[in-house]
Structure formats: C-alpha cells, structure tokens
C-alpha cells in the first residue's frame, strides 16, 4: 500500500510493523521513524487507528482472564510472522541490529 506521497519510510513498511508499534516492541529510533510517518500520512494513521481499536476490543473481550505467557508469546510471534509474510517483509536480527526488507510489486497502467 502506498498513499502516493513520498515518505522517509514506505507505507507498506509502516503497516507491516504497526503491531510492533502498538505492542511497544520497536526500539526508540524505529518507533520515532514510524510515528513520524503516521504524523504525515493520513491513510496509514487511519489504518493504525483501526488496528489500535482491534487490539483494545480484543483486550476488553478477554475480560480479566490472561493467557499463559508462553501462549501469549507464541500468538504474538505468529501474528507478526503472518503480517510480515502478507506484506512480503523479511526481518533479520543479528548482533549488528535488525534489518527490515520490504518487497514491493509496482503495477503501472499506461494510457495512450
């Protein structure tokens, strides 16, 4: 997804990491970079808001019951993997840091 405007961080990259942002799992630099994008991109901010509401609704629906930590971690990892796979994003972590790669397919239409 792209709103068509130039940004430091591509829209699809931000949307692929929106759950990491919601769960406060980004380092400070990445958090700031994603939030800058959301401040300047209305479509991504709307999508972020939707995801935030889903998270809040899920939290309320579960009441005061808490899943075991192991289950919670496995679900978080599966959700992250699914989102990244659907967005064609790869994440590689190493001692040097985290590398995020977004593979985009650009479709253009030509009119004569």
Foldseek 3Di string as FASTA:
>chain_A
DAPPDDAPDGLLVLQLCLVCLLVVNDPPVVNVRSVVCLVVDPVSVVVSVVVNVVVVVVVVVCPPDDDPPVVVVVVVVVVSVVSCVVQVWDWDQDPVGIDIDGDDDDDDDDDD
